[in-house]
């Protein structure tokens, strides 16, 4: 670790690069964990829930940013879904 600090003392132009890389790695990790635990389209265990799209709430936005989302059920799909159950 002291060799790394000595390198930074010699080459001070590396400090911003290391800072940006640390920020990018932190952001990527936190975004991955956010999507893993909050979004329904990320699946870890397919054996307990083989058809996860059946449990998605259509009124809840699935994107990170949703503008003017309006959901209307398609009648044909509803009849087909009721026939399969």
PDB file of N, CA and C in Angstrom:
ATOM      1  N   UNK A   1       0.817  -1.192   0.000  1.00  0.00           N
ATOM      2  CA  UNK A   1       0.000   0.000   0.000  1.00  0.00           C
ATOM      3  C   UNK A   1       0.856   1.250   0.000  1.00  0.00           C
ATOM      4  N   UNK A   2       1.990   1.209   0.681  1.00  0.00           N
ATOM      5  CA  UNK A   2       2.843   2.397   0.731  1.00  0.00           C
ATOM      6  C   UNK A   2       3.463   2.669  -0.643  1.00  0.00           C
ATOM      7  N   UNK A   3       3.710   1.620  -1.439  1.00  0.00           N
ATOM      8  CA  UNK A   3       4.202   1.802  -2.795  1.00  0.00           C
ATOM      9  C   UNK A   3       3.193   2.543  -3.658  1.00  0.00           C
ATOM     10  N   UNK A   4       1.911   2.262  -3.435  1.00  0.00           N
ATOM     11  CA  UNK A   4       0.852   2.947  -4.168  1.00  0.00           C
ATOM     12  C   UNK A   4       0.809   4.423  -3.794  1.00  0.00           C
ATOM     13  N   UNK A   5       0.929   4.719  -2.504  1.00  0.00           N
ATOM     14  CA  UNK A   5       0.914   6.113  -2.063  1.00  0.00           C
ATOM     15  C   UNK A   5       2.142   6.863  -2.567  1.00  0.00           C
ATOM     16  N   UNK A   6       3.272   6.192  -2.618  1.00  0.00           N
ATOM     17  CA  UNK A   6       4.471   6.834  -3.155  1.00  0.00           C
ATOM     18  C   UNK A   6       4.307   7.117  -4.645  1.00  0.00           C
ATOM     19  N   UNK A   7       3.658   6.228  -5.361  1.00  0.00           N
ATOM     20  CA  UNK A   7       3.394   6.457  -6.779  1.00  0.00           C
ATOM     21  C   UNK A   7       2.499   7.676  -6.960  1.00  0.00           C
ATOM     22  N   UNK A   8       1.479   7.820  -6.090  1.00  0.00           N
ATOM     23  CA  UNK A   8       0.597   8.978  -6.180  1.00  0.00           C
ATOM     24  C   UNK A   8       1.328  10.273  -5.839  1.00  0.00           C
ATOM     25  N   UNK A   9       2.290  10.218  -4.923  1.00  0.00           N
ATOM     26  CA  UNK A   9       3.075  11.411  -4.601  1.00  0.00           C
ATOM     27  C   UNK A   9       3.960  11.817  -5.769  1.00  0.00           C
ATOM     28  N   UNK A  10       4.479  10.837  -6.502  1.00  0.00           N
ATOM     29  CA  UNK A  10       5.326  11.131  -7.656  1.00  0.00           C
ATOM     30  C   UNK A  10       4.503  11.634  -8.839  1.00  0.00           C
ATOM     31  N   UNK A  11       3.403  10.948  -9.115  1.00  0.00           N
ATOM     32  CA  UNK A  11       2.581  11.267 -10.285  1.00  0.00           C
ATOM     33  C   UNK A  11       1.211  11.751  -9.819  1.00  0.00           C
ATOM     34  N   UNK A  12       1.115  13.025  -9.533  1.00  0.00           N
ATOM     35  CA  UNK A  12      -0.125  13.600  -9.002  1.00  0.00           C
ATOM     36  C   UNK A  12      -1.240  13.657 -10.035  1.00  0.00           C
ATOM     37  N   UNK A  13      -0.915  13.518 -11.312  1.00  0.00           N
ATOM     38  CA  UNK A  13      -1.952  13.545 -12.342  1.00  0.00           C
ATOM     39  C   UNK A  13      -2.816  12.284 -12.331  1.00  0.00           C
ATOM     40  N   UNK A  14      -2.414  11.255 -11.589  1.00  0.00           N
ATOM     41  CA  UNK A  14      -3.223  10.032 -11.488  1.00  0.00           C
ATOM     42  C   UNK A  14      -4.359  10.156 -10.475  1.00  0.00           C
ATOM     43  N   UNK A  15      -4.290  11.134  -9.590  1.00  0.00           N
ATOM     44  CA  UNK A  15      -5.301  11.261  -8.525  1.00  0.00           C
ATOM     45  C   UNK A  15      -6.708  11.468  -9.094  1.00  0.00           C
ATOM     46  N   UNK A  16      -6.928  12.391 -10.058  1.00  0.00           N
ATOM     47  CA  UNK A  16      -8.291  12.515 -10.613  1.00  0.00           C
ATOM     48  C   UNK A  16      -8.767  11.247 -11.331  1.00  0.00           C
ATOM     49  N   UNK A  17      -7.860  10.582 -12.027  1.00  0.00           N
ATOM     50  CA  UNK A  17      -8.228   9.349 -12.719  1.00  0.00           C
ATOM     51  C   UNK A  17      -8.687   8.286 -11.735  1.00  0.00           C
ATOM     52  N   UNK A  18      -7.969   8.132 -10.645  1.00  0.00           N
ATOM     53  CA  UNK A  18      -8.347   7.150  -9.624  1.00  0.00           C
ATOM     54  C   UNK A  18      -9.675   7.544  -8.976  1.00  0.00           C
ATOM     55  N   UNK A  19      -9.871   8.846  -8.768  1.00  0.00           N
ATOM     56  CA  UNK A  19     -11.138   9.314  -8.198  1.00  0.00           C
ATOM     57  C   UNK A  19     -12.322   9.021  -9.102  1.00  0.00           C
ATOM     58  N   UNK A  20     -12.179   9.291 -10.403  1.00  0.00           N
ATOM     59  CA  UNK A  20     -13.264   9.002 -11.343  1.00  0.00           C
ATOM     60  C   UNK A  20     -13.530   7.501 -11.455  1.00  0.00           C
ATOM     61  N   UNK A  21     -12.491   6.713 -11.454  1.00  0.00           N
ATOM     62  CA  UNK A  21     -12.674   5.265 -11.528  1.00  0.00           C
ATOM     63  C   UNK A  21     -13.364   4.721 -10.278  1.00  0.00           C
ATOM     64  N   UNK A  22     -13.011   5.258  -9.123  1.00  0.00           N
ATOM     65  CA  UNK A  22     -13.663   4.828  -7.883  1.00  0.00           C
ATOM     66  C   UNK A  22     -15.135   5.235  -7.883  1.00  0.00           C
ATOM     67  N   UNK A  23     -15.424   6.440  -8.379  1.00  0.00           N
ATOM     68  CA  UNK A  23     -16.815   6.895  -8.463  1.00  0.00           C
ATOM     69  C   UNK A  23     -17.611   6.003  -9.417  1.00  0.00           C
ATOM     70  N   UNK A  24     -17.042   5.678 -10.572  1.00  0.00           N
ATOM     71  CA  UNK A  24     -17.739   4.838 -11.552  1.00  0.00           C
ATOM     72  C   UNK A  24     -17.991   3.435 -10.999  1.00  0.00           C
ATOM     73  N   UNK A  25     -17.006   2.878 -10.312  1.00  0.00           N
ATOM     74  CA  UNK A  25     -17.186   1.540  -9.740  1.00  0.00           C
ATOM     75  C   UNK A  25     -18.245   1.551  -8.644  1.00  0.00           C
ATOM     76  N   UNK A  26     -18.250   2.593  -7.824  1.00  0.00           N
ATOM     77  CA  UNK A  26     -19.261   2.702  -6.771  1.00  0.00           C
ATOM     78  C   UNK A  26     -20.655   2.857  -7.367  1.00  0.00           C
ATOM     79  N   UNK A  27     -20.782   3.695  -8.390  1.00  0.00           N
ATOM     80  CA  UNK A  27     -22.082   3.896  -9.026  1.00  0.00           C
ATOM     81  C   UNK A  27     -22.574   2.618  -9.698  1.00  0.00           C
ATOM     82  N   UNK A  28     -21.704   1.904 -10.384  1.00  0.00           N
ATOM     83  CA  UNK A  28     -22.106   0.666 -11.054  1.00  0.00           C
ATOM     84  C   UNK A  28     -22.558  -0.386 -10.047  1.00  0.00           C
ATOM     85  N   UNK A  29     -21.842  -0.494  -8.941  1.00  0.00           N
ATOM     86  CA  UNK A  29     -22.221  -1.462  -7.910  1.00  0.00           C
ATOM     87  C   UNK A  29     -23.543  -1.093  -7.269  1.00  0.00           C
ATOM     88  N   UNK A  30     -23.720   0.180  -6.941  1.00  0.00           N
ATOM     89  CA  UNK A  30     -24.968   0.583  -6.291  1.00  0.00           C
ATOM     90  C   UNK A  30     -26.148   0.477  -7.247  1.00  0.00           C
ATOM     91  N   UNK A  31     -25.970   0.785  -8.522  1.00  0.00           N
ATOM     92  CA  UNK A  31     -27.058   0.639  -9.485  1.00  0.00           C
ATOM     93  C   UNK A  31     -27.428  -0.832  -9.669  1.00  0.00           C
ATOM     94  N   UNK A  32     -26.434  -1.699  -9.700  1.00  0.00           N
ATOM     95  CA  UNK A  32     -26.713  -3.135  -9.831  1.00  0.00           C
ATOM     96  C   UNK A  32     -27.504  -3.656  -8.634  1.00  0.00           C
ATOM     97  N   UNK A  33     -27.104  -3.252  -7.446  1.00  0.00           N
ATOM     98  CA  UNK A  33     -27.832  -3.692  -6.243  1.00  0.00           C
ATOM     99  C   UNK A  33     -29.235  -3.109  -6.202  1.00  0.00           C
ATOM    100  N   UNK A  34     -29.399  -1.863  -6.637  1.00  0.00           N
ATOM    101  CA  UNK A  34     -30.729  -1.247  -6.673  1.00  0.00           C
ATOM    102  C   UNK A  34     -31.657  -2.027  -7.597  1.00  0.00           C
ATOM    103  N   UNK A  35     -31.195  -2.327  -8.803  1.00  0.00           N
ATOM    104  CA  UNK A  35     -32.034  -3.062  -9.746  1.00  0.00           C
ATOM    105  C   UNK A  35     -32.265  -4.494  -9.291  1.00  0.00           C
ATOM    106  N   UNK A  36     -31.306  -5.084  -8.626  1.00  0.00           N
ATOM    107  CA  UNK A  36     -31.445  -6.458  -8.158  1.00  0.00           C
ATOM    108  C   UNK A  36     -32.530  -6.583  -7.106  1.00  0.00           C
ATOM    109  N   UNK A  37     -32.601  -5.626  -6.203  1.00  0.00           N
ATOM    110  CA  UNK A  37     -33.538  -5.756  -5.084  1.00  0.00           C
ATOM    111  C   UNK A  37     -34.858  -5.026  -5.285  1.00  0.00           C
ATOM    112  N   UNK A  38     -34.982  -4.139  -6.260  1.00  0.00           N
ATOM    113  CA  UNK A  38     -36.223  -3.380  -6.399  1.00  0.00           C
ATOM    114  C   UNK A  38     -37.001  -3.678  -7.666  1.00  0.00           C
ATOM    115  N   UNK A  39     -36.371  -4.151  -8.703  1.00  0.00           N
ATOM    116  CA  UNK A  39     -37.066  -4.365  -9.975  1.00  0.00           C
ATOM    117  C   UNK A  39     -37.521  -5.807 -10.104  1.00  0.00           C
ATOM    118  N   UNK A  40     -38.690  -5.972 -10.705  1.00  0.00           N
ATOM    119  CA  UNK A  40     -39.252  -7.319 -10.828  1.00  0.00           C
ATOM    120  C   UNK A  40     -38.737  -8.067 -12.043  1.00  0.00           C
ATOM    121  N   UNK A  41     -38.110  -7.381 -12.983  1.00  0.00           N
ATOM    122  CA  UNK A  41     -37.629  -8.083 -14.166  1.00  0.00           C
ATOM    123  C   UNK A  41     -36.258  -8.712 -13.974  1.00  0.00           C
ATOM    124  N   UNK A  42     -35.660  -8.550 -12.812  1.00  0.00           N
ATOM    125  CA  UNK A  42     -34.400  -9.208 -12.488  1.00  0.00           C
ATOM    126  C   UNK A  42     -34.732 -10.474 -11.701  1.00  0.00           C
ATOM    127  N   UNK A  43     -34.310 -11.621 -12.206  1.00  0.00           N
ATOM    128  CA  UNK A  43     -34.687 -12.904 -11.614  1.00  0.00           C
ATOM    129  C   UNK A  43     -33.437 -13.622 -11.133  1.00  0.00           C
ATOM    130  N   UNK A  44     -33.440 -14.029  -9.881  1.00  0.00           N
ATOM    131  CA  UNK A  44     -32.326 -14.799  -9.347  1.00  0.00           C
ATOM    132  C   UNK A  44     -32.642 -16.283  -9.291  1.00  0.00           C
ATOM    133  N   UNK A  45     -33.883 -16.624  -8.986  1.00  0.00           N
ATOM    134  CA  UNK A  45     -34.269 -18.013  -8.801  1.00  0.00           C
ATOM    135  C   UNK A  45     -35.450 -18.320  -9.721  1.00  0.00           C
ATOM    136  N   UNK A  46     -35.197 -19.013 -10.809  1.00  0.00           N
ATOM    137  CA  UNK A  46     -36.260 -19.313 -11.757  1.00  0.00           C
ATOM    138  C   UNK A  46     -37.067 -20.547 -11.373  1.00  0.00           C
ATOM    139  N   UNK A  47     -36.589 -21.336 -10.414  1.00  0.00           N
ATOM    140  CA  UNK A  47     -37.321 -22.548 -10.073  1.00  0.00           C
ATOM    141  C   UNK A  47     -38.574 -22.232  -9.265  1.00  0.00           C
ATOM    142  N   UNK A  48     -38.517 -21.225  -8.393  1.00  0.00           N
ATOM    143  CA  UNK A  48     -39.700 -20.880  -7.605  1.00  0.00           C
ATOM    144  C   UNK A  48     -40.705 -20.066  -8.408  1.00  0.00           C
ATOM    145  N   UNK A  49     -40.235 -19.319  -9.397  1.00  0.00           N
ATOM    146  CA  UNK A  49     -41.103 -18.448 -10.169  1.00  0.00           C
ATOM    147  C   UNK A  49     -40.756 -18.592 -11.656  1.00  0.00           C
ATOM    148  N   UNK A  50     -41.248 -19.642 -12.330  1.00  0.00           N
ATOM    149  CA  UNK A  50     -40.849 -19.866 -13.715  1.00  0.00           C
ATOM    150  C   UNK A  50     -41.422 -18.832 -14.696  1.00  0.00           C
ATOM    151  N   UNK A  51     -42.520 -18.186 -14.349  1.00  0.00           N
ATOM    152  CA  UNK A  51     -43.123 -17.176 -15.214  1.00  0.00           C
ATOM    153  C   UNK A  51     -43.261 -15.867 -14.437  1.00  0.00           C
ATOM    154  N   UNK A  52     -42.181 -15.113 -14.261  1.00  0.00           N
ATOM    155  CA  UNK A  52     -42.235 -13.915 -13.421  1.00  0.00           C
ATOM    156  C   UNK A  52     -43.035 -12.780 -14.032  1.00  0.00           C
ATOM    157  N   UNK A  53     -43.246 -12.782 -15.326  1.00  0.00           N
ATOM    158  CA  UNK A  53     -43.993 -11.709 -15.956  1.00  0.00           C
ATOM    159  C   UNK A  53     -45.470 -11.750 -15.576  1.00  0.00           C
ATOM    160  N   UNK A  54     -45.935 -12.862 -15.023  1.00  0.00           N
ATOM    161  CA  UNK A  54     -47.328 -12.948 -14.589  1.00  0.00           C
ATOM    162  C   UNK A  54     -47.578 -12.134 -13.317  1.00  0.00           C
ATOM    163  N   UNK A  55     -46.543 -11.884 -12.539  1.00  0.00           N
ATOM    164  CA  UNK A  55     -46.707 -11.181 -11.263  1.00  0.00           C
ATOM    165  C   UNK A  55     -46.338  -9.703 -11.328  1.00  0.00           C
ATOM    166  N   UNK A  56     -46.056  -9.186 -12.504  1.00  0.00           N
ATOM    167  CA  UNK A  56     -45.677  -7.784 -12.648  1.00  0.00           C
ATOM    168  C   UNK A  56     -46.931  -6.919 -12.574  1.00  0.00           C
ATOM    169  N   UNK A  57     -46.896  -5.909 -11.723  1.00  0.00           N
ATOM    170  CA  UNK A  57     -48.014  -4.984 -11.599  1.00  0.00           C
ATOM    171  C   UNK A  57     -47.938  -3.977 -12.738  1.00  0.00           C
ATOM    172  N   UNK A  58     -48.913  -3.932 -13.630  1.00  0.00           N
ATOM    173  CA  UNK A  58     -48.821  -3.035 -14.790  1.00  0.00           C
ATOM    174  C   UNK A  58     -48.955  -1.564 -14.423  1.00  0.00           C
ATOM    175  N   UNK A  59     -49.508  -1.262 -13.268  1.00  0.00           N
ATOM    176  CA  UNK A  59     -49.648   0.134 -12.870  1.00  0.00           C
ATOM    177  C   UNK A  59     -48.367   0.698 -12.277  1.00  0.00           C
ATOM    178  N   UNK A  60     -47.428  -0.171 -11.903  1.00  0.00           N
ATOM    179  CA  UNK A  60     -46.155   0.272 -11.346  1.00  0.00           C
ATOM    180  C   UNK A  60     -45.136   0.423 -12.466  1.00  0.00           C
ATOM    181  N   UNK A  61     -44.498   1.578 -12.597  1.00  0.00           N
ATOM    182  CA  UNK A  61     -43.530   1.744 -13.685  1.00  0.00           C
ATOM    183  C   UNK A  61     -42.327   0.827 -13.510  1.00  0.00           C
ATOM    184  N   UNK A  62     -41.874   0.251 -14.614  1.00  0.00           N
ATOM    185  CA  UNK A  62     -40.768  -0.698 -14.584  1.00  0.00           C
ATOM    186  C   UNK A  62     -39.450  -0.074 -15.010  1.00  0.00           C
ATOM    187  N   UNK A  63     -39.501   1.116 -15.566  1.00  0.00           N
ATOM    188  CA  UNK A  63     -38.291   1.772 -16.039  1.00  0.00           C
ATOM    189  C   UNK A  63     -37.721   2.649 -14.936  1.00  0.00           C
ATOM    190  N   UNK A  64     -36.483   3.075 -15.112  1.00  0.00           N
ATOM    191  CA  UNK A  64     -35.869   3.989 -14.161  1.00  0.00           C
ATOM    192  C   UNK A  64     -36.561   5.337 -14.216  1.00  0.00           C
ATOM    193  N   UNK A  65     -36.944   5.779 -15.407  1.00  0.00           N
ATOM    194  CA  UNK A  65     -37.652   7.039 -15.599  1.00  0.00           C
ATOM    195  C   UNK A  65     -38.823   6.781 -16.530  1.00  0.00           C
ATOM    196  N   UNK A  66     -40.033   7.040 -16.067  1.00  0.00           N
ATOM    197  CA  UNK A  66     -41.220   6.811 -16.863  1.00  0.00           C
ATOM    198  C   UNK A  66     -41.980   8.121 -17.000  1.00  0.00           C
ATOM    199  N   UNK A  67     -42.254   8.514 -18.245  1.00  0.00           N
ATOM    200  CA  UNK A  67     -42.966   9.765 -18.507  1.00  0.00           C
ATOM    201  C   UNK A  67     -44.284   9.431 -19.189  1.00  0.00           C
ATOM    202  N   UNK A  68     -45.393   9.854 -18.590  1.00  0.00           N
ATOM    203  CA  UNK A  68     -46.736   9.694 -19.149  1.00  0.00           C
ATOM    204  C   UNK A  68     -47.067   8.248 -19.505  1.00  0.00           C
ATOM    205  N   UNK A  69     -46.864   7.341 -18.580  1.00  0.00           N
ATOM    206  CA  UNK A  69     -47.202   5.940 -18.829  1.00  0.00           C
ATOM    207  C   UNK A  69     -48.687   5.732 -18.567  1.00  0.00           C
ATOM    208  N   UNK A  70     -49.349   5.164 -19.547  1.00  0.00           N
ATOM    209  CA  UNK A  70     -50.757   4.820 -19.387  1.00  0.00           C
ATOM    210  C   UNK A  70     -50.921   3.357 -19.777  1.00  0.00           C
ATOM    211  N   UNK A  71     -51.534   2.598 -18.898  1.00  0.00           N
ATOM    212  CA  UNK A  71     -51.704   1.180 -19.156  1.00  0.00           C
ATOM    213  C   UNK A  71     -53.172   0.883 -19.343  1.00  0.00           C
ATOM    214  N   UNK A  72     -53.470   0.179 -20.426  1.00  0.00           N
ATOM    215  CA  UNK A  72     -54.825  -0.273 -20.693  1.00  0.00           C
ATOM    216  C   UNK A  72     -54.748  -1.753 -21.019  1.00  0.00           C
ATOM    217  N   UNK A  73     -55.595  -2.571 -20.402  1.00  0.00           N
ATOM    218  CA  UNK A  73     -55.536  -4.006 -20.693  1.00  0.00           C
ATOM    219  C   UNK A  73     -56.025  -4.306 -22.115  1.00  0.00           C
ATOM    220  N   UNK A  74     -55.379  -5.243 -22.755  1.00  0.00           N
ATOM    221  CA  UNK A  74     -55.781  -5.687 -24.089  1.00  0.00           C
ATOM    222  C   UNK A  74     -56.818  -6.792 -23.894  1.00  0.00           C
ATOM    223  N   UNK A  75     -57.971  -6.603 -24.473  1.00  0.00           N
ATOM    224  CA  UNK A  75     -59.084  -7.532 -24.237  1.00  0.00           C
ATOM    225  C   UNK A  75     -58.785  -8.946 -24.725  1.00  0.00           C
ATOM    226  N   UNK A  76     -58.118  -9.059 -25.857  1.00  0.00           N
ATOM    227  CA  UNK A  76     -57.814 -10.381 -26.394  1.00  0.00           C
ATOM    228  C   UNK A  76     -56.872 -11.149 -25.465  1.00  0.00           C
ATOM    229  N   UNK A  77     -55.887 -10.444 -24.926  1.00  0.00           N
ATOM    230  CA  UNK A  77     -54.960 -11.101 -24.003  1.00  0.00           C
ATOM    231  C   UNK A  77     -55.653 -11.513 -22.706  1.00  0.00           C
ATOM    232  N   UNK A  78     -56.575 -10.711 -22.241  1.00  0.00           N
ATOM    233  CA  UNK A  78     -57.309 -11.055 -21.025  1.00  0.00           C
ATOM    234  C   UNK A  78     -58.180 -12.291 -21.242  1.00  0.00           C
ATOM    235  N   UNK A  79     -58.790 -12.410 -22.411  1.00  0.00           N
ATOM    236  CA  UNK A  79     -59.608 -13.607 -22.668  1.00  0.00           C
ATOM    237  C   UNK A  79     -58.748 -14.843 -22.795  1.00  0.00           C
ATOM    238  N   UNK A  80     -57.588 -14.722 -23.439  1.00  0.00           N
ATOM    239  CA  UNK A  80     -56.695 -15.864 -23.577  1.00  0.00           C
ATOM    240  C   UNK A  80     -56.150 -16.272 -22.204  1.00  0.00           C
ATOM    241  N   UNK A  81     -55.817 -15.297 -21.375  1.00  0.00           N
ATOM    242  CA  UNK A  81     -55.320 -15.588 -20.037  1.00  0.00           C
ATOM    243  C   UNK A  81     -56.391 -16.277 -19.183  1.00  0.00           C
ATOM    244  N   UNK A  82     -57.648 -15.845 -19.329  1.00  0.00           N
ATOM    245  CA  UNK A  82     -58.712 -16.472 -18.555  1.00  0.00           C
ATOM    246  C   UNK A  82     -58.999 -17.897 -19.058  1.00  0.00           C
ATOM    247  N   UNK A  83     -58.765 -18.150 -20.331  1.00  0.00           N
ATOM    248  CA  UNK A  83     -58.983 -19.506 -20.870  1.00  0.00           C
ATOM    249  C   UNK A  83     -57.910 -20.475 -20.390  1.00  0.00           C
ATOM    250  N   UNK A  84     -56.690 -20.004 -20.157  1.00  0.00           N
ATOM    251  CA  UNK A  84     -55.601 -20.872 -19.739  1.00  0.00           C
ATOM    252  C   UNK A  84     -55.645 -21.204 -18.247  1.00  0.00           C
ATOM    253  N   UNK A  85     -56.357 -20.432 -17.476  1.00  0.00           N
ATOM    254  CA  UNK A  85     -56.399 -20.687 -16.029  1.00  0.00           C
ATOM    255  C   UNK A  85     -57.456 -21.626 -15.640  1.00  0.00           C
TER     256      UNK A  85
END
